[in-house]
Each structure stands twice: as structure tokens, then as C-alpha cells.
Amino acid sequence: MLLNHDCANCGAYLRINIYSEPMNFLVNMVISAIAILISAFLIPGIQVDGFISALLVAVVLAVLNRIIKPLLVVFTLPITILTLGLFYLVINVMLIYIADWIVGPGFTVKGFFPALFFSIVLSVVNSVLDAMAGEK
């Protein structure tokens, strides 16, 4: 539940968010799992066995994006600058391959280009679903 108060007379704006951080994380993981299922449906070479596998992939990608991705970005900064940021896509592909390795048979990536397209489509679908859900 969200309580908004906008008082034009006093100039105060009050916004109270009743949802907790764990609930926001859970909602984001469900949205990401739906985005993973949609992306896997659209891209040949990506296989997700079901919603539970997609949810596991979403959690693994969230952890990898939070822990491993910043390290990879820092270590590959010179090549990222030389390629005008295109190497950032390769980092995303590497994270998807790591997620494939961690999740196992429930999530399969068959090739570099399917992983590349998966990362791009996943970002777009995730953004659309976040906008539909009212996320920032």
C-alpha cells in the first residue's frame, strides 16, 4: 500500500511506502523471471524449462550483477573505453554464461549470439515490465 499526501497549502509532500525491501526484491525477481521466460521464447538458442528455472536464473543474475559485474567492469575498463562501451555487452554475455553454468540443466544457452541477443531483449522486456508494474 502506498500513501501519498500532497498538500498545496502547506507545500508538504508525504510518501509512505508500506512495501519492505524483501517484498520489493521478490516482486523484482518475479518480474525478471517473466522477462526471462519472454526472452527465452523470443530467442532461439535459449532454453528455460519453466517458471521455477526462470526464477532461479533471475536470482542468480541478480547476485552476479551485484557482486561479479562491478569487478568485471573495473578490470575491463581500458578495453571498454577502447571499444566505446561495446565490451560492456560482452560482460553481460559472460554473466549469462556463468548463470547457465550455475543453474545447470534448467537454463541452457547455445552460443555467443543467442546470449548477446538474450541480454539485450532481457533488458528491454525487463524495462517494459518494470514500467507496467510502476517500478522506477
N, C-alpha and C. Protein backbone atom coordinates (compact mmCIF):
# COMPACT_ATOMS: atom_id res chain seq x y z
N MET A 1 0.85 -1.16 0.00
CA MET A 1 0.00 0.00 0.00
C MET A 1 0.90 1.23 0.00
N LEU A 2 0.49 2.24 -0.72
CA LEU A 2 1.26 3.46 -0.86
C LEU A 2 0.37 4.60 -0.44
N LEU A 3 0.84 5.42 0.47
CA LEU A 3 0.08 6.57 0.95
C LEU A 3 0.75 7.82 0.44
N ASN A 4 0.00 8.59 -0.33
CA ASN A 4 0.51 9.84 -0.87
C ASN A 4 -0.29 11.00 -0.28
N HIS A 5 0.40 12.05 0.08
CA HIS A 5 -0.26 13.26 0.56
C HIS A 5 0.45 14.44 -0.09
N ASP A 6 -0.31 15.20 -0.84
CA ASP A 6 0.24 16.38 -1.49
C ASP A 6 -0.60 17.56 -1.04
N CYS A 7 -0.05 18.34 -0.18
CA CYS A 7 -0.77 19.47 0.39
C CYS A 7 -0.29 20.75 -0.29
N ALA A 8 -1.14 21.33 -1.14
CA ALA A 8 -0.77 22.54 -1.86
C ALA A 8 -0.64 23.73 -0.91
N ASN A 9 -1.40 23.71 0.18
CA ASN A 9 -1.38 24.83 1.12
C ASN A 9 -0.10 24.86 1.94
N CYS A 10 0.32 23.71 2.42
CA CYS A 10 1.50 23.71 3.29
C CYS A 10 2.78 23.40 2.53
N GLY A 11 2.67 22.97 1.28
CA GLY A 11 3.85 22.70 0.48
C GLY A 11 4.53 21.39 0.84
N ALA A 12 3.89 20.58 1.66
CA ALA A 12 4.49 19.32 2.08
C ALA A 12 4.05 18.20 1.15
N TYR A 13 4.96 17.31 0.93
CA TYR A 13 4.64 16.13 0.13
C TYR A 13 5.10 14.94 0.94
N LEU A 14 4.18 14.04 1.22
CA LEU A 14 4.47 12.88 2.05
C LEU A 14 4.23 11.63 1.23
N ARG A 15 5.19 10.77 1.21
CA ARG A 15 5.02 9.49 0.51
C ARG A 15 5.53 8.41 1.44
N ILE A 16 4.64 7.51 1.79
CA ILE A 16 4.99 6.41 2.66
C ILE A 16 4.85 5.12 1.87
N ASN A 17 5.91 4.36 1.81
CA ASN A 17 5.89 3.09 1.10
C ASN A 17 5.80 1.99 2.14
N ILE A 18 4.70 1.24 2.11
CA ILE A 18 4.49 0.18 3.09
C ILE A 18 5.27 -1.08 2.71
N TYR A 19 5.59 -1.25 1.41
CA TYR A 19 6.33 -2.44 0.99
C TYR A 19 7.73 -2.42 1.57
N SER A 20 8.18 -3.57 2.01
CA SER A 20 9.52 -3.68 2.58
C SER A 20 10.52 -4.02 1.48
N GLU A 21 11.78 -3.92 1.80
CA GLU A 21 12.83 -4.26 0.85
C GLU A 21 12.75 -5.72 0.39
N PRO A 22 12.52 -6.68 1.28
CA PRO A 22 12.40 -8.06 0.79
C PRO A 22 11.22 -8.23 -0.17
N MET A 23 10.13 -7.52 0.07
CA MET A 23 8.98 -7.62 -0.83
C MET A 23 9.33 -7.01 -2.18
N ASN A 24 10.04 -5.89 -2.20
CA ASN A 24 10.47 -5.29 -3.46
C ASN A 24 11.39 -6.24 -4.22
N PHE A 25 12.30 -6.90 -3.51
CA PHE A 25 13.20 -7.85 -4.13
C PHE A 25 12.41 -9.01 -4.75
N LEU A 26 11.43 -9.51 -4.02
CA LEU A 26 10.62 -10.62 -4.52
C LEU A 26 9.83 -10.20 -5.76
N VAL A 27 9.24 -9.02 -5.73
CA VAL A 27 8.50 -8.53 -6.89
C VAL A 27 9.44 -8.36 -8.08
N ASN A 28 10.61 -7.80 -7.86
CA ASN A 28 11.59 -7.64 -8.94
C ASN A 28 12.03 -8.98 -9.51
N MET A 29 12.18 -10.00 -8.66
CA MET A 29 12.59 -11.31 -9.14
C MET A 29 11.48 -11.96 -9.97
N VAL A 30 10.24 -11.79 -9.56
CA VAL A 30 9.12 -12.34 -10.34
C VAL A 30 9.03 -11.63 -11.70
N ILE A 31 9.19 -10.31 -11.70
CA ILE A 31 9.18 -9.56 -12.96
C ILE A 31 10.34 -10.00 -13.85
N SER A 32 11.51 -10.18 -13.27
CA SER A 32 12.66 -10.64 -14.04
C SER A 32 12.45 -12.05 -14.57
N ALA A 33 11.83 -12.92 -13.78
CA ALA A 33 11.56 -14.29 -14.24
C ALA A 33 10.61 -14.27 -15.43
N ILE A 34 9.59 -13.42 -15.39
CA ILE A 34 8.68 -13.30 -16.52
C ILE A 34 9.43 -12.77 -17.74
N ALA A 35 10.31 -11.80 -17.52
CA ALA A 35 11.12 -11.27 -18.62
C ALA A 35 12.04 -12.34 -19.20
N ILE A 36 12.58 -13.18 -18.36
CA ILE A 36 13.45 -14.28 -18.82
C ILE A 36 12.65 -15.26 -19.65
N LEU A 37 11.43 -15.60 -19.22
CA LEU A 37 10.60 -16.52 -19.99
C LEU A 37 10.23 -15.93 -21.35
N ILE A 38 9.88 -14.65 -21.37
CA ILE A 38 9.54 -13.99 -22.64
C ILE A 38 10.76 -13.95 -23.56
N SER A 39 11.91 -13.59 -23.01
CA SER A 39 13.13 -13.51 -23.81
C SER A 39 13.53 -14.88 -24.35
N ALA A 40 13.40 -15.91 -23.53
CA ALA A 40 13.74 -17.26 -23.98
C ALA A 40 12.78 -17.74 -25.06
N PHE A 41 11.52 -17.30 -24.98
CA PHE A 41 10.56 -17.66 -26.02
C PHE A 41 10.90 -16.98 -27.35
N LEU A 42 11.40 -15.75 -27.28
CA LEU A 42 11.67 -14.98 -28.49
C LEU A 42 12.99 -15.34 -29.17
N ILE A 43 13.94 -15.89 -28.43
CA ILE A 43 15.29 -16.10 -28.96
C ILE A 43 15.59 -17.59 -29.06
N PRO A 44 15.83 -18.07 -30.29
CA PRO A 44 16.27 -19.47 -30.42
C PRO A 44 17.69 -19.61 -29.87
N GLY A 45 17.94 -20.71 -29.22
CA GLY A 45 19.25 -20.93 -28.62
C GLY A 45 19.26 -20.71 -27.12
N ILE A 46 18.15 -20.20 -26.59
CA ILE A 46 17.99 -20.03 -25.14
C ILE A 46 16.84 -20.92 -24.70
N GLN A 47 17.09 -21.77 -23.72
CA GLN A 47 16.05 -22.67 -23.24
C GLN A 47 15.90 -22.52 -21.73
N VAL A 48 14.66 -22.30 -21.30
CA VAL A 48 14.32 -22.25 -19.88
C VAL A 48 13.21 -23.27 -19.67
N ASP A 49 13.39 -24.17 -18.71
CA ASP A 49 12.46 -25.28 -18.54
C ASP A 49 11.11 -24.88 -17.93
N GLY A 50 11.06 -23.83 -17.16
CA GLY A 50 9.80 -23.44 -16.55
C GLY A 50 9.98 -22.20 -15.69
N PHE A 51 8.91 -21.85 -15.00
CA PHE A 51 8.94 -20.63 -14.20
C PHE A 51 9.94 -20.73 -13.05
N ILE A 52 10.02 -21.90 -12.42
CA ILE A 52 10.96 -22.06 -11.30
C ILE A 52 12.39 -21.88 -11.78
N SER A 53 12.71 -22.45 -12.94
CA SER A 53 14.05 -22.26 -13.50
C SER A 53 14.30 -20.79 -13.85
N ALA A 54 13.27 -20.13 -14.40
CA ALA A 54 13.41 -18.71 -14.73
C ALA A 54 13.61 -17.88 -13.46
N LEU A 55 12.91 -18.24 -12.40
CA LEU A 55 13.08 -17.53 -11.13
C LEU A 55 14.48 -17.75 -10.57
N LEU A 56 14.99 -18.97 -10.70
CA LEU A 56 16.36 -19.26 -10.25
C LEU A 56 17.38 -18.48 -11.09
N VAL A 57 17.15 -18.40 -12.40
CA VAL A 57 18.04 -17.61 -13.26
C VAL A 57 18.00 -16.14 -12.86
N ALA A 58 16.80 -15.63 -12.54
CA ALA A 58 16.67 -14.23 -12.12
C ALA A 58 17.45 -13.96 -10.85
N VAL A 59 17.37 -14.87 -9.89
CA VAL A 59 18.09 -14.69 -8.63
C VAL A 59 19.60 -14.77 -8.87
N VAL A 60 20.03 -15.75 -9.67
CA VAL A 60 21.46 -15.90 -9.95
C VAL A 60 21.99 -14.67 -10.69
N LEU A 61 21.25 -14.18 -11.69
CA LEU A 61 21.70 -12.98 -12.42
C LEU A 61 21.73 -11.76 -11.51
N ALA A 62 20.78 -11.66 -10.59
CA ALA A 62 20.77 -10.53 -9.65
C ALA A 62 22.02 -10.56 -8.77
N VAL A 63 22.37 -11.74 -8.29
CA VAL A 63 23.56 -11.87 -7.44
C VAL A 63 24.82 -11.59 -8.25
N LEU A 64 24.89 -12.14 -9.46
CA LEU A 64 26.07 -11.91 -10.31
C LEU A 64 26.19 -10.43 -10.68
N ASN A 65 25.07 -9.78 -10.99
CA ASN A 65 25.11 -8.36 -11.33
C ASN A 65 25.51 -7.50 -10.14
N ARG A 66 25.22 -7.96 -8.96
CA ARG A 66 25.55 -7.19 -7.76
C ARG A 66 26.99 -7.41 -7.31
N ILE A 67 27.52 -8.62 -7.51
CA ILE A 67 28.85 -8.95 -6.97
C ILE A 67 29.93 -8.99 -8.05
N ILE A 68 29.70 -9.77 -9.11
CA ILE A 68 30.73 -10.02 -10.11
C ILE A 68 30.82 -8.90 -11.14
N LYS A 69 29.70 -8.37 -11.58
CA LYS A 69 29.70 -7.39 -12.66
C LYS A 69 30.52 -6.14 -12.35
N PRO A 70 30.42 -5.55 -11.14
CA PRO A 70 31.27 -4.38 -10.87
C PRO A 70 32.77 -4.69 -10.97
N LEU A 71 33.16 -5.87 -10.54
CA LEU A 71 34.57 -6.26 -10.64
C LEU A 71 34.99 -6.40 -12.10
N LEU A 72 34.15 -7.05 -12.90
CA LEU A 72 34.46 -7.20 -14.32
C LEU A 72 34.53 -5.85 -15.03
N VAL A 73 33.64 -4.94 -14.67
CA VAL A 73 33.64 -3.61 -15.30
C VAL A 73 34.93 -2.87 -14.97
N VAL A 74 35.37 -2.95 -13.72
CA VAL A 74 36.60 -2.26 -13.33
C VAL A 74 37.82 -2.88 -14.01
N PHE A 75 37.89 -4.20 -14.04
CA PHE A 75 39.05 -4.87 -14.63
C PHE A 75 39.12 -4.70 -16.15
N THR A 76 37.98 -4.53 -16.79
CA THR A 76 37.96 -4.41 -18.25
C THR A 76 37.73 -2.98 -18.71
N LEU A 77 37.92 -2.02 -17.84
CA LEU A 77 37.67 -0.63 -18.18
C LEU A 77 38.48 -0.14 -19.39
N PRO A 78 39.77 -0.46 -19.49
CA PRO A 78 40.51 0.02 -20.67
C PRO A 78 39.93 -0.49 -21.99
N ILE A 79 39.61 -1.76 -22.06
CA ILE A 79 39.07 -2.29 -23.32
C ILE A 79 37.65 -1.77 -23.56
N THR A 80 36.91 -1.52 -22.50
CA THR A 80 35.57 -0.94 -22.65
C THR A 80 35.66 0.47 -23.21
N ILE A 81 36.65 1.23 -22.76
CA ILE A 81 36.84 2.59 -23.29
C ILE A 81 37.29 2.53 -24.75
N LEU A 82 38.20 1.61 -25.07
CA LEU A 82 38.67 1.48 -26.45
C LEU A 82 37.55 1.08 -27.41
N THR A 83 36.61 0.27 -26.94
CA THR A 83 35.52 -0.17 -27.81
C THR A 83 34.29 0.71 -27.67
N LEU A 84 34.45 1.86 -27.02
CA LEU A 84 33.36 2.82 -26.83
C LEU A 84 32.15 2.20 -26.13
N GLY A 85 32.42 1.32 -25.17
CA GLY A 85 31.37 0.73 -24.35
C GLY A 85 30.79 -0.56 -24.87
N LEU A 86 31.19 -0.99 -26.06
CA LEU A 86 30.63 -2.23 -26.62
C LEU A 86 31.07 -3.47 -25.85
N PHE A 87 32.21 -3.39 -25.20
CA PHE A 87 32.67 -4.55 -24.42
C PHE A 87 31.77 -4.81 -23.23
N TYR A 88 30.99 -3.81 -22.85
CA TYR A 88 30.01 -3.98 -21.77
C TYR A 88 29.00 -5.08 -22.13
N LEU A 89 28.68 -5.20 -23.42
CA LEU A 89 27.79 -6.27 -23.87
C LEU A 89 28.45 -7.64 -23.69
N VAL A 90 29.75 -7.70 -23.91
CA VAL A 90 30.48 -8.95 -23.72
C VAL A 90 30.47 -9.34 -22.24
N ILE A 91 30.55 -8.37 -21.36
CA ILE A 91 30.46 -8.65 -19.92
C ILE A 91 29.10 -9.26 -19.59
N ASN A 92 28.04 -8.69 -20.18
CA ASN A 92 26.70 -9.25 -19.95
C ASN A 92 26.60 -10.69 -20.46
N VAL A 93 27.21 -10.96 -21.61
CA VAL A 93 27.22 -12.32 -22.15
C VAL A 93 27.96 -13.27 -21.21
N MET A 94 29.09 -12.81 -20.67
CA MET A 94 29.84 -13.63 -19.73
C MET A 94 29.01 -13.96 -18.50
N LEU A 95 28.26 -12.98 -18.01
CA LEU A 95 27.41 -13.22 -16.84
C LEU A 95 26.29 -14.21 -17.15
N ILE A 96 25.77 -14.16 -18.36
CA ILE A 96 24.73 -15.12 -18.75
C ILE A 96 25.31 -16.52 -18.84
N TYR A 97 26.53 -16.65 -19.35
CA TYR A 97 27.19 -17.96 -19.39
C TYR A 97 27.46 -18.48 -17.97
N ILE A 98 27.86 -17.61 -17.07
CA ILE A 98 28.07 -18.03 -15.68
C ILE A 98 26.75 -18.48 -15.06
N ALA A 99 25.68 -17.76 -15.35
CA ALA A 99 24.36 -18.15 -14.84
C ALA A 99 23.95 -19.50 -15.42
N ASP A 100 24.25 -19.73 -16.69
CA ASP A 100 23.97 -21.03 -17.32
C ASP A 100 24.71 -22.14 -16.60
N TRP A 101 25.95 -21.89 -16.27
CA TRP A 101 26.77 -22.88 -15.58
C TRP A 101 26.25 -23.15 -14.16
N ILE A 102 25.82 -22.09 -13.46
CA ILE A 102 25.35 -22.25 -12.08
C ILE A 102 23.99 -22.94 -12.03
N VAL A 103 23.07 -22.50 -12.88
CA VAL A 103 21.70 -23.04 -12.83
C VAL A 103 21.66 -24.47 -13.32
N GLY A 104 22.45 -24.79 -14.32
CA GLY A 104 22.50 -26.17 -14.78
C GLY A 104 21.49 -26.47 -15.88
N PRO A 105 20.87 -27.65 -15.84
CA PRO A 105 20.04 -28.08 -16.96
C PRO A 105 18.73 -27.30 -17.13
N GLY A 106 18.31 -26.52 -16.16
CA GLY A 106 17.08 -25.76 -16.28
C GLY A 106 17.19 -24.53 -17.16
N PHE A 107 18.42 -24.12 -17.45
CA PHE A 107 18.68 -22.93 -18.26
C PHE A 107 19.85 -23.24 -19.17
N THR A 108 19.62 -23.16 -20.48
CA THR A 108 20.64 -23.53 -21.45
C THR A 108 20.84 -22.39 -22.44
N VAL A 109 22.11 -22.05 -22.66
CA VAL A 109 22.49 -21.04 -23.64
C VAL A 109 23.35 -21.73 -24.69
N LYS A 110 22.94 -21.62 -25.96
CA LYS A 110 23.65 -22.31 -27.04
C LYS A 110 24.29 -21.30 -27.98
N GLY A 111 25.39 -20.69 -27.56
CA GLY A 111 26.13 -19.81 -28.44
C GLY A 111 26.25 -18.39 -27.92
N PHE A 112 27.22 -17.69 -28.52
CA PHE A 112 27.51 -16.32 -28.11
C PHE A 112 26.39 -15.37 -28.52
N PHE A 113 25.96 -15.46 -29.79
CA PHE A 113 24.96 -14.51 -30.27
C PHE A 113 23.59 -14.69 -29.61
N PRO A 114 23.13 -15.93 -29.36
CA PRO A 114 21.89 -16.03 -28.57
C PRO A 114 22.02 -15.40 -27.18
N ALA A 115 23.19 -15.55 -26.55
CA ALA A 115 23.40 -14.93 -25.24
C ALA A 115 23.42 -13.41 -25.36
N LEU A 116 24.02 -12.90 -26.43
CA LEU A 116 24.05 -11.46 -26.65
C LEU A 116 22.64 -10.91 -26.87
N PHE A 117 21.88 -11.56 -27.75
CA PHE A 117 20.51 -11.11 -28.00
C PHE A 117 19.65 -11.28 -26.76
N PHE A 118 19.90 -12.34 -26.00
CA PHE A 118 19.15 -12.57 -24.75
C PHE A 118 19.39 -11.43 -23.78
N SER A 119 20.63 -10.98 -23.65
CA SER A 119 20.90 -9.88 -22.71
C SER A 119 20.22 -8.60 -23.15
N ILE A 120 20.19 -8.35 -24.45
CA ILE A 120 19.55 -7.13 -24.96
C ILE A 120 18.04 -7.21 -24.80
N VAL A 121 17.45 -8.33 -25.24
CA VAL A 121 15.99 -8.49 -25.14
C VAL A 121 15.56 -8.53 -23.68
N LEU A 122 16.35 -9.18 -22.83
CA LEU A 122 16.02 -9.23 -21.41
C LEU A 122 15.99 -7.83 -20.80
N SER A 123 16.92 -6.99 -21.18
CA SER A 123 16.93 -5.62 -20.67
C SER A 123 15.69 -4.85 -21.13
N VAL A 124 15.34 -4.99 -22.40
CA VAL A 124 14.17 -4.28 -22.93
C VAL A 124 12.88 -4.79 -22.30
N VAL A 125 12.71 -6.11 -22.26
CA VAL A 125 11.48 -6.69 -21.69
C VAL A 125 11.38 -6.36 -20.21
N ASN A 126 12.51 -6.42 -19.50
CA ASN A 126 12.51 -6.09 -18.08
C ASN A 126 12.11 -4.62 -17.85
N SER A 127 12.59 -3.73 -18.71
CA SER A 127 12.23 -2.32 -18.60
C SER A 127 10.74 -2.11 -18.84
N VAL A 128 10.19 -2.79 -19.84
CA VAL A 128 8.76 -2.66 -20.14
C VAL A 128 7.93 -3.21 -18.98
N LEU A 129 8.30 -4.37 -18.46
CA LEU A 129 7.54 -4.95 -17.34
C LEU A 129 7.66 -4.09 -16.09
N ASP A 130 8.84 -3.52 -15.84
CA ASP A 130 9.00 -2.62 -14.70
C ASP A 130 8.11 -1.39 -14.86
N ALA A 131 8.03 -0.86 -16.06
CA ALA A 131 7.17 0.31 -16.31
C ALA A 131 5.70 -0.06 -16.11
N MET A 132 5.32 -1.23 -16.55
CA MET A 132 3.92 -1.67 -16.37
C MET A 132 3.59 -1.89 -14.90
N ALA A 133 4.58 -2.34 -14.13
CA ALA A 133 4.37 -2.59 -12.71
C ALA A 133 4.50 -1.33 -11.87
N GLY A 134 4.92 -0.24 -12.49
CA GLY A 134 5.05 1.01 -11.75
C GLY A 134 6.36 1.15 -11.03
N GLU A 135 7.36 0.36 -11.40
CA GLU A 135 8.68 0.46 -10.78
C GLU A 135 9.39 1.68 -11.33
N LYS A 136 10.39 2.16 -10.58
CA LYS A 136 11.20 3.28 -11.04
C LYS A 136 12.40 2.80 -11.77
